[in-house]
Protein backbone atom coordinates (compact mmCIF):
# COMPACT_ATOMS: atom_id res chain seq x y z
CA MET A 1 -0.55 15.93 16.21
CA GLU A 2 -1.16 13.89 19.34
CA MET A 3 -2.38 10.40 18.42
CA LYS A 4 -3.25 9.14 21.90
CA ASN A 5 -7.01 8.47 21.98
CA LYS A 6 -7.36 9.85 18.44
CA ARG A 7 -10.40 8.19 16.86
CA VAL A 8 -9.10 6.56 13.68
CA PHE A 9 -10.93 4.57 11.00
CA LEU A 10 -8.71 2.24 8.95
CA THR A 11 -9.83 0.29 5.89
CA GLY A 12 -7.80 -2.62 4.54
CA ALA A 13 -6.55 -3.45 8.03
CA THR A 14 -6.05 -7.15 7.38
CA GLY A 15 -3.97 -6.43 4.29
CA PHE A 16 -0.20 -6.16 4.31
CA VAL A 17 0.17 -2.38 4.68
CA GLY A 18 -3.07 -1.98 6.62
CA ALA A 19 -1.95 -4.38 9.34
CA HIS A 20 1.31 -2.48 9.80
CA MET A 21 -0.65 0.77 10.01
CA ALA A 22 -3.03 -0.72 12.57
CA LYS A 23 -0.12 -1.95 14.69
CA HIS A 24 1.62 1.43 14.56
CA LEU A 25 -1.54 3.39 15.40
CA VAL A 26 -2.34 1.10 18.33
CA GLU A 27 1.22 1.54 19.62
CA LEU A 28 0.71 5.32 19.46
CA GLY A 29 -2.37 4.96 21.66
CA ALA A 30 -4.98 5.72 19.00
CA ASN A 31 -8.52 4.38 19.28
CA VAL A 32 -8.58 2.36 16.05
CA THR A 33 -11.70 1.11 14.27
CA VAL A 34 -11.40 -1.22 11.28
CA LEU A 35 -13.76 -2.53 8.63
CA ILE A 36 -12.88 -6.07 7.53
CA GLU A 37 -14.57 -8.95 5.74
CA ARG A 38 -12.84 -11.67 7.74
CA CYS A 39 -9.77 -12.30 9.85
CA ASP A 40 -7.27 -14.86 8.53
CA ALA A 41 -5.31 -16.53 11.34
CA THR A 42 -2.11 -16.44 9.25
CA SER A 43 -2.30 -12.70 8.50
CA TYR A 44 0.05 -10.18 10.08
CA PHE A 45 -3.06 -8.59 11.63
CA SER A 46 -3.79 -11.82 13.53
CA ILE A 47 -0.16 -12.71 14.26
CA CYS A 48 0.19 -9.34 16.03
CA GLY A 49 -3.02 -9.92 18.00
CA LEU A 50 -4.59 -6.78 16.56
CA ASP A 51 -8.05 -8.35 16.53
CA LYS A 52 -8.03 -7.87 20.31
CA LYS A 53 -6.73 -4.28 20.20
CA VAL A 54 -9.07 -2.53 17.74
CA ASN A 55 -12.80 -2.02 17.24
CA ILE A 56 -13.96 -4.34 14.45
CA TYR A 57 -16.89 -3.94 12.07
CA TYR A 58 -17.51 -6.74 9.58
CA GLY A 59 -18.45 -5.83 6.02
CA ASP A 60 -16.87 -4.19 2.98
CA ILE A 61 -16.42 -0.73 1.55
CA SER A 62 -19.11 -1.21 -1.09
CA ASN A 63 -21.61 -0.66 1.75
CA GLY A 64 -21.79 3.13 1.97
CA SER A 65 -24.37 3.17 4.77
CA LEU A 66 -22.16 0.98 6.95
CA ILE A 67 -19.21 3.31 6.42
CA GLU A 68 -21.31 6.30 7.45
CA GLN A 69 -22.56 4.35 10.48
CA ILE A 70 -18.98 3.69 11.58
CA ILE A 71 -17.99 7.34 11.21
CA VAL A 72 -21.01 8.48 13.24
CA GLU A 73 -20.92 5.81 15.96
CA GLN A 74 -17.17 6.05 16.53
CA LYS A 75 -16.99 9.85 16.05
CA ILE A 76 -14.11 9.28 13.62
CA GLU A 77 -11.49 12.05 13.33
CA VAL A 78 -8.95 10.49 10.94
CA ILE A 79 -9.47 8.04 8.08
CA PHE A 80 -6.75 5.91 6.48
CA HIS A 81 -8.26 4.39 3.33
CA LEU A 82 -6.07 1.44 2.31
CA ALA A 83 -8.64 -1.16 1.20
CA ALA A 84 -8.24 -2.15 -2.44
CA VAL A 85 -7.92 -4.92 -4.96
CA ALA A 86 -4.15 -4.62 -4.97
CA LEU A 87 -2.90 -7.38 -7.27
CA GLN A 88 -2.61 -6.68 -10.99
CA ASP A 89 -3.23 -10.28 -12.04
CA LEU A 90 -6.40 -10.45 -9.93
CA ALA A 91 -7.59 -7.09 -11.24
CA TYR A 92 -7.04 -8.29 -14.80
CA LYS A 93 -9.21 -11.35 -14.19
CA MET A 94 -11.87 -9.52 -12.15
CA PRO A 95 -12.27 -6.00 -13.56
CA LYS A 96 -15.81 -5.45 -12.25
CA VAL A 97 -14.83 -6.28 -8.68
CA THR A 98 -11.71 -4.13 -9.04
CA PHE A 99 -13.71 -1.08 -10.13
CA GLN A 100 -16.35 -1.71 -7.47
CA VAL A 101 -13.77 -1.84 -4.67
CA ASN A 102 -11.15 0.65 -5.84
CA ILE A 103 -13.44 3.30 -7.31
CA VAL A 104 -16.91 2.92 -5.76
CA GLY A 105 -15.45 1.96 -2.39
CA THR A 106 -13.27 5.06 -2.40
CA TYR A 107 -16.28 7.20 -3.30
CA ASN A 108 -18.19 5.73 -0.34
CA ILE A 109 -15.38 6.62 2.05
CA LEU A 110 -15.00 10.15 0.71
CA ASP A 111 -18.71 10.93 0.60
CA ALA A 112 -19.32 9.67 4.13
CA ALA A 113 -16.40 11.79 5.33
CA ARG A 114 -17.77 14.81 3.42
CA LEU A 115 -21.06 14.51 5.29
CA HIS A 116 -19.33 14.44 8.67
CA THR A 117 -16.57 17.03 8.60
CA ASP A 118 -17.74 18.10 12.05
CA THR A 119 -15.58 15.22 13.31
CA VAL A 120 -13.51 14.05 10.30
CA LYS A 121 -10.41 16.25 10.00
CA ALA A 122 -8.15 14.15 7.76
CA VAL A 123 -8.51 11.50 5.04
CA LEU A 124 -5.38 9.70 3.80
CA VAL A 125 -5.83 7.69 0.59
CA ALA A 126 -3.53 4.98 -0.77
CA SER A 127 -2.69 5.36 -4.44
CA SER A 128 0.15 3.83 -6.47
CA ASP A 129 2.94 4.59 -8.89
CA LYS A 130 0.82 2.62 -11.39
CA VAL A 131 -1.21 5.81 -11.97
CA TYR A 132 1.64 7.07 -14.17
CA GLY A 133 1.28 4.16 -16.58
CA ASP A 134 4.10 3.35 -18.97
CA SER A 135 5.49 6.88 -19.04
CA ASP A 136 8.59 7.65 -21.09
CA VAL A 137 9.63 10.30 -18.56
CA LEU A 138 11.49 8.95 -15.51
CA PRO A 139 11.59 9.37 -12.62
CA TYR A 140 7.91 10.21 -12.17
CA THR A 141 7.07 13.51 -10.52
CA GLU A 142 3.61 14.41 -9.27
CA SER A 143 3.08 16.47 -12.43
CA THR A 144 3.65 13.45 -14.69
CA THR A 145 0.47 12.74 -16.68
CA LEU A 146 -1.79 10.10 -15.13
CA GLN A 147 -2.61 7.22 -17.46
CA GLY A 148 -3.53 3.55 -17.37
CA SER A 149 -3.92 0.71 -19.85
CA ASN A 150 -5.19 -2.17 -17.70
CA PRO A 151 -7.98 -2.51 -15.09
CA TYR A 152 -5.74 -2.07 -12.04
CA ASP A 153 -3.91 1.01 -13.33
CA VAL A 154 -7.15 2.64 -14.50
CA SER A 155 -8.86 1.97 -11.17
CA LYS A 156 -6.00 3.64 -9.29
CA VAL A 157 -6.07 6.68 -11.60
CA CYS A 158 -9.80 7.07 -10.95
CA GLN A 159 -9.35 6.60 -7.20
CA ASP A 160 -6.52 9.13 -7.09
CA MET A 161 -8.42 11.80 -9.03
CA LEU A 162 -11.65 11.14 -7.14
CA ALA A 163 -9.92 11.66 -3.80
CA ARG A 164 -8.38 14.97 -4.79
CA SER A 165 -11.65 16.15 -6.35
CA PHE A 166 -13.31 15.99 -2.93
CA TYR A 167 -10.80 18.53 -1.66
CA HIS A 168 -11.23 20.88 -4.60
CA SER A 169 -15.04 20.50 -4.71
CA TYR A 170 -15.98 20.24 -1.04
CA GLY A 171 -12.91 21.26 0.94
CA LEU A 172 -12.51 17.76 2.39
CA PRO A 173 -8.98 17.51 3.89
CA VAL A 174 -7.63 14.69 1.71
CA VAL A 175 -4.04 13.70 0.94
CA VAL A 176 -3.06 11.00 -1.56
CA GLY A 177 0.06 8.84 -1.32
CA ARG A 178 1.53 7.34 -4.49
CA PHE A 179 3.79 4.47 -3.51
CA GLY A 180 6.34 2.28 -5.23
CA ASN A 181 6.48 -1.51 -4.82
CA ILE A 182 6.02 -2.15 -1.12
CA TYR A 183 7.67 -5.07 0.66
CA GLY A 184 8.54 -6.21 4.16
CA PRO A 185 7.48 -8.55 6.98
CA GLY A 186 3.86 -9.60 7.10
CA ASP A 187 3.01 -9.90 3.41
CA ASN A 188 1.51 -13.36 3.12
CA ASN A 189 0.46 -12.96 -0.50
CA PHE A 190 2.97 -15.33 -2.01
CA ASN A 191 2.03 -14.37 -5.55
CA ARG A 192 4.07 -11.21 -5.00
CA LEU A 193 7.74 -11.20 -5.95
CA ILE A 194 9.50 -10.91 -2.60
CA PRO A 195 7.40 -13.15 -0.31
CA GLY A 196 7.00 -15.64 -3.18
CA THR A 197 10.75 -15.79 -3.76
CA ILE A 198 11.49 -16.18 -0.04
CA GLN A 199 8.99 -19.04 0.22
CA LYS A 200 10.40 -20.84 -2.83
CA LEU A 201 14.00 -20.52 -1.66
CA GLU A 202 13.10 -21.66 1.86
CA ASN A 203 11.59 -24.80 0.31
CA GLY A 204 14.60 -25.35 -1.94
CA GLU A 205 12.58 -24.55 -5.07
CA SER A 206 13.36 -22.31 -8.04
CA PRO A 207 11.92 -18.80 -7.68
CA LEU A 208 9.93 -17.35 -10.57
CA VAL A 209 11.46 -14.47 -12.53
CA ARG A 210 9.12 -12.91 -15.08
CA HIS A 211 10.46 -10.93 -18.02
CA PRO A 212 8.63 -8.94 -20.68
CA ALA A 213 9.10 -9.91 -24.32
CA ASN A 214 11.79 -7.23 -24.59
CA GLY A 215 13.93 -5.93 -21.74
CA VAL A 216 13.48 -6.39 -17.98
CA PHE A 217 11.02 -5.18 -15.37
CA LYS A 218 12.41 -2.54 -13.00
CA ARG A 219 10.63 -1.24 -9.92
CA ASP A 220 11.14 1.26 -7.10
CA PHE A 221 11.05 -0.98 -4.01
CA LEU A 222 10.03 0.67 -0.73
CA TYR A 223 10.23 -0.96 2.70
CA ILE A 224 7.10 -1.12 4.84
CA ASN A 225 8.49 1.01 7.71
CA ASP A 226 9.06 3.84 5.25
CA ILE A 227 5.44 3.47 4.10
CA VAL A 228 4.06 3.71 7.63
CA ASN A 229 6.15 6.83 8.20
CA ALA A 230 4.87 8.29 4.93
CA TYR A 231 1.25 8.01 6.05
CA MET A 232 2.04 9.60 9.39
CA TYR A 233 3.98 12.44 7.76
CA MET A 234 0.99 13.16 5.52
CA LEU A 235 -1.29 13.24 8.54
CA TYR A 236 0.98 15.35 10.73
CA ASN A 237 1.38 17.96 7.99
CA ILE A 238 -2.16 18.03 6.62
CA ASP A 239 -2.89 21.52 7.94
CA LYS A 240 0.20 23.02 6.29
CA GLU A 241 -0.13 24.95 3.05
CA GLY A 242 0.35 22.79 -0.04
CA VAL A 243 -0.50 19.47 1.61
CA ALA A 244 -4.29 18.88 1.67
CA GLY A 245 -5.65 18.26 -1.81
CA ASN A 246 -2.25 17.11 -3.04
CA ALA A 247 -0.71 13.80 -4.06
CA PHE A 248 2.79 12.84 -2.96
CA ASN A 249 5.24 10.32 -4.39
CA PHE A 250 6.96 8.01 -1.92
CA GLY A 251 9.89 6.00 -3.21
CA THR A 252 13.64 5.56 -3.02
CA GLY A 253 14.26 7.02 -6.47
CA ILE A 254 16.11 3.83 -7.43
CA ALA A 255 14.72 1.36 -9.99
CA THR A 256 15.92 -2.20 -9.39
CA ASP A 257 15.34 -5.03 -11.84
CA ILE A 258 13.47 -8.12 -10.73
CA GLU A 259 16.36 -10.54 -11.22
CA THR A 260 18.62 -8.41 -9.01
CA ILE A 261 16.06 -8.61 -6.20
CA VAL A 262 15.84 -12.39 -6.56
CA ASN A 263 19.64 -12.73 -6.55
CA LYS A 264 19.93 -10.54 -3.45
CA LEU A 265 17.45 -12.81 -1.68
CA LYS A 266 19.43 -15.88 -2.76
CA THR A 267 22.57 -14.37 -1.22
CA ILE A 268 20.85 -13.40 2.04
CA MET A 269 19.32 -16.87 2.37
CA GLY A 270 22.44 -18.78 1.29
CA CYS A 271 20.67 -20.21 -1.75
CA GLU A 272 22.92 -19.01 -4.58
CA ASN A 273 22.98 -22.54 -6.05
CA ILE A 274 19.22 -22.61 -6.71
CA PRO A 275 18.48 -21.59 -10.32
CA SER A 276 15.64 -19.23 -11.19
CA ASN A 277 12.59 -20.22 -13.21
CA VAL A 278 12.62 -17.54 -15.92
CA GLN A 279 9.36 -17.04 -17.81
CA GLN A 280 7.86 -14.45 -20.12
CA SER A 281 5.10 -12.37 -18.54
CA GLU A 282 1.62 -13.15 -19.87
CA VAL A 283 0.10 -9.86 -18.69
CA SER A 284 0.87 -6.43 -20.09
CA GLU A 285 2.81 -4.53 -17.42
CA ILE A 286 4.82 -1.33 -17.15
CA LEU A 287 8.50 -1.95 -17.90
CA MET A 288 10.17 0.51 -15.53
CA GLN A 289 8.98 2.60 -12.60
CA GLN A 290 10.94 5.12 -10.58
CA LEU A 291 9.61 7.82 -8.27
CA ASP A 292 10.92 11.29 -7.50
CA ALA A 293 9.99 11.97 -3.87
CA THR A 294 11.39 15.53 -3.75
CA LYS A 295 7.96 17.04 -3.07
CA ALA A 296 7.42 14.73 -0.07
CA PHE A 297 10.80 15.77 1.33
CA GLU A 298 10.26 19.49 0.78
CA ARG A 299 6.67 19.71 2.06
CA LEU A 300 6.49 16.83 4.54
CA GLY A 301 10.10 16.25 5.57
CA TRP A 302 9.86 12.58 4.53
CA LYS A 303 12.56 10.49 2.91
CA ALA A 304 13.17 6.76 2.62
CA GLU A 305 15.41 5.43 5.40
CA TYR A 306 15.79 1.82 4.26
CA SER A 307 18.08 0.60 1.51
CA VAL A 308 16.91 -2.43 -0.45
CA ASP A 309 19.65 -4.57 1.13
CA LYS A 310 18.65 -3.61 4.68
CA GLY A 311 14.96 -4.03 3.98
CA LEU A 312 15.36 -7.43 2.35
CA ALA A 313 17.52 -8.69 5.22
CA GLU A 314 14.89 -7.69 7.80
CA THR A 315 12.15 -9.21 5.65
CA VAL A 316 13.91 -12.57 5.34
CA ASP A 317 14.59 -12.59 9.08
CA TRP A 318 10.88 -12.14 9.85
CA TYR A 319 9.71 -14.88 7.51
CA ARG A 320 12.27 -17.36 8.80
CA ASN A 321 11.89 -16.60 12.51
CA VAL A 322 8.18 -15.80 12.70
CA TYR A 323 6.02 -16.79 9.74
CA PHE A 324 7.55 -20.13 8.76
CA LYS A 325 7.94 -21.22 12.39
CA ASN A 326 4.27 -20.44 13.08
CA ASN A 327 3.10 -22.25 9.96
CA ASP A 328 5.12 -25.46 10.00
């Protein structure tokens, strides 16, 4: 699929993944339109000067009429829906907002697209490995039962099922991506493990390591470049049999415990002498997550290219040479 001059609508563009998607789409020559609430000068979106390279509408995805207006005015052909309340702690504290954004917002995107399939030919929706809940069966495959026990997980299950229902009910060309824990340059939410650890170590402070009451947290960590490629592979293959209406796992297939990630960052940054601040987690979270991405490889040709070591090294390099220098 030729992306030059392709009319693309991207939600969540000022977020971590959304900004990387916006940058990539602009580099491909797409005509990108974004819906944002505001533009933070310290965000990756602003650092990359994307505010000058895309069409901007101000508002949020709870406004269904605005979404439809954008699709009509810009004659949108492709939608990447990435906007979400994406932090579990925030979702736990603000369940109503979480459901409004993640569920109702997704409905607004899908329904507006449904009404304008004369132009809209693809809708890519961001889901999460959290839709599988605390499953005993690992690694997760796409046939693993969807379940959730906290506001964030439940909202993602609803979003995921809602998106696929629009394909089965209305024939809307939708594909859902279920991603592991995403990391890389440009994530300025320092409540997350990797940017938070990098910031602490850079300041000579002890990084936080949270443990459950029993055991350790393990996650499937996926580098941002692999995520961007995953979205593009879904788009490029959307007309192939067995793609539209489906969900795909994207992960490395390797579950790494939190303390190992922190120790790897200490080594990369030369901070092995700084002790960790180990605390028990106050929020109920899934112990271990691991994704089987066989379906994505077989149907889309996608596989993760970045090891955790390579991804972490590039991430540290960006924070030290770009973010921290710009925010001294």
